[in-house]
Amino acid sequence: MKLASRAGIDTAHAEVWGKESDTPVALIRRFDRGENGQRKPYVSAATLLQASHQEALSNLDLLRAMRRYCGDYADDARQLWRRLVFTRSAHDLPMVLMVQPDRPLLTP
């Protein structure tokens, strides 16, 4: 969550309690609640596109639906782009180390 936040993605506040214990716990603030605990309505991408969760969803279809229904399309589209790039990058990071005299470095 912290890495995604540093990449400019809106994330829920999260922290880990008991990092030194055998059972650390992740505490994540709910994104669907306001300051006083009131519910914030939201829908999933599948619901917005009226698709089943098993169907492959097109990001272009999602963008078209967002243009029609989102209150701040430009900002939401930027957030979607950041999430797509972040997810792709995080899953495809090369885990190759270059050997340096004093320490190994992850390849760019």
Protein backbone atom coordinates (compact mmCIF):
# COMPACT_ATOMS: atom_id res chain seq x y z
CA MET A 1 0.00 0.00 0.00
CA LYS A 2 2.83 2.38 0.83
CA LEU A 3 4.56 1.69 -2.47
CA ALA A 4 1.32 2.27 -4.40
CA SER A 5 0.75 5.50 -2.48
CA ARG A 6 4.26 6.68 -3.34
CA ALA A 7 3.46 5.96 -6.99
CA GLY A 8 0.60 8.46 -6.83
CA ILE A 9 -2.23 5.97 -6.38
CA ASP A 10 -5.00 6.85 -3.94
CA THR A 11 -4.88 4.14 -1.29
CA ALA A 12 -6.56 3.47 2.01
CA HIS A 13 -4.50 4.25 5.11
CA ALA A 14 -2.73 1.08 6.24
CA GLU A 15 -0.28 0.12 8.94
CA VAL A 16 1.10 -3.05 10.46
CA TRP A 17 0.93 -3.67 14.19
CA GLY A 18 3.18 -6.18 15.87
CA LYS A 19 5.86 -6.28 13.18
CA GLU A 20 8.25 -7.95 15.62
CA SER A 21 5.77 -10.59 16.77
CA ASP A 22 4.98 -13.99 15.26
CA THR A 23 1.54 -12.72 14.20
CA PRO A 24 1.69 -9.20 12.76
CA VAL A 25 -1.66 -7.65 11.89
CA ALA A 26 -2.46 -5.35 8.97
CA LEU A 27 -4.88 -2.56 9.84
CA ILE A 28 -6.48 -0.98 6.79
CA ARG A 29 -8.95 1.90 6.99
CA ARG A 30 -12.12 1.13 5.06
CA PHE A 31 -12.44 3.17 1.88
CA ASP A 32 -16.22 2.91 1.88
CA ARG A 33 -16.77 4.87 5.12
CA GLY A 34 -16.75 8.61 5.78
CA GLU A 35 -15.30 10.44 8.77
CA ASN A 36 -18.32 9.67 10.95
CA GLY A 37 -18.69 6.07 9.79
CA GLN A 38 -21.37 6.82 7.20
CA ARG A 39 -21.36 4.57 4.14
CA LYS A 40 -20.00 5.84 0.84
CA PRO A 41 -21.73 4.13 -2.09
CA TYR A 42 -19.49 2.36 -4.60
CA VAL A 43 -19.75 -0.24 -7.35
CA SER A 44 -17.22 -2.69 -8.74
CA ALA A 45 -15.99 -2.48 -12.33
CA ALA A 46 -17.99 -5.63 -13.12
CA THR A 47 -21.16 -4.04 -11.78
CA LEU A 48 -20.53 -0.81 -13.69
CA LEU A 49 -20.07 -2.82 -16.90
CA GLN A 50 -22.96 -5.17 -16.03
CA ALA A 51 -20.62 -8.14 -16.40
CA SER A 52 -20.03 -11.23 -14.33
CA HIS A 53 -16.89 -11.40 -12.23
CA GLN A 54 -15.71 -14.33 -14.36
CA GLU A 55 -15.73 -12.32 -17.61
CA ALA A 56 -12.57 -10.70 -18.89
CA LEU A 57 -13.19 -6.97 -18.65
CA SER A 58 -11.73 -4.47 -21.08
CA ASN A 59 -10.03 -1.41 -19.61
CA LEU A 60 -11.30 0.58 -22.59
CA ASP A 61 -14.87 -0.46 -21.80
CA LEU A 62 -14.26 0.56 -18.20
CA LEU A 63 -12.95 3.97 -19.30
CA ARG A 64 -16.04 4.50 -21.48
CA ALA A 65 -18.33 3.68 -18.56
CA MET A 66 -16.28 5.89 -16.23
CA ARG A 67 -16.62 8.81 -18.67
CA ARG A 68 -20.39 8.41 -18.47
CA TYR A 69 -20.81 7.82 -14.73
CA CYS A 70 -17.83 9.19 -12.77
CA GLY A 71 -18.04 12.63 -11.23
CA ASP A 72 -14.37 13.46 -11.93
CA TYR A 73 -13.55 11.43 -15.02
CA ALA A 74 -10.15 13.01 -15.67
CA ASP A 75 -8.82 12.28 -12.18
CA ASP A 76 -10.39 8.80 -12.07
CA ALA A 77 -8.92 7.94 -15.49
CA ARG A 78 -5.46 9.02 -14.27
CA GLN A 79 -5.90 6.85 -11.18
CA LEU A 80 -6.90 3.87 -13.33
CA TRP A 81 -3.84 4.39 -15.54
CA ARG A 82 -1.55 4.56 -12.50
CA ARG A 83 -3.10 1.37 -11.10
CA LEU A 84 -2.68 -0.47 -14.40
CA VAL A 85 0.96 0.56 -14.77
CA PHE A 86 1.73 -0.13 -11.10
CA THR A 87 0.11 -3.57 -11.17
CA ARG A 88 1.88 -4.52 -14.39
CA SER A 89 5.21 -3.23 -13.11
CA ALA A 90 4.91 -4.86 -9.70
CA HIS A 91 4.13 -8.25 -11.23
CA ASP A 92 6.85 -8.08 -13.88
CA LEU A 93 9.78 -6.78 -11.87
CA PRO A 94 12.95 -8.51 -12.97
CA MET A 95 14.43 -10.19 -9.95
CA VAL A 96 17.96 -10.22 -11.29
CA LEU A 97 20.80 -8.93 -9.21
CA MET A 98 23.87 -7.26 -10.67
CA VAL A 99 26.95 -8.11 -8.67
CA GLN A 100 28.83 -5.04 -7.50
CA PRO A 101 32.03 -5.14 -5.45
CA ASP A 102 30.34 -3.85 -2.28
CA ARG A 103 26.66 -4.84 -2.68
CA PRO A 104 24.17 -6.39 -5.12
CA LEU A 105 21.74 -4.10 -6.96
CA LEU A 106 18.40 -4.90 -8.53
CA THR A 107 18.66 -4.39 -12.27
CA PRO A 108 16.73 -1.45 -13.71
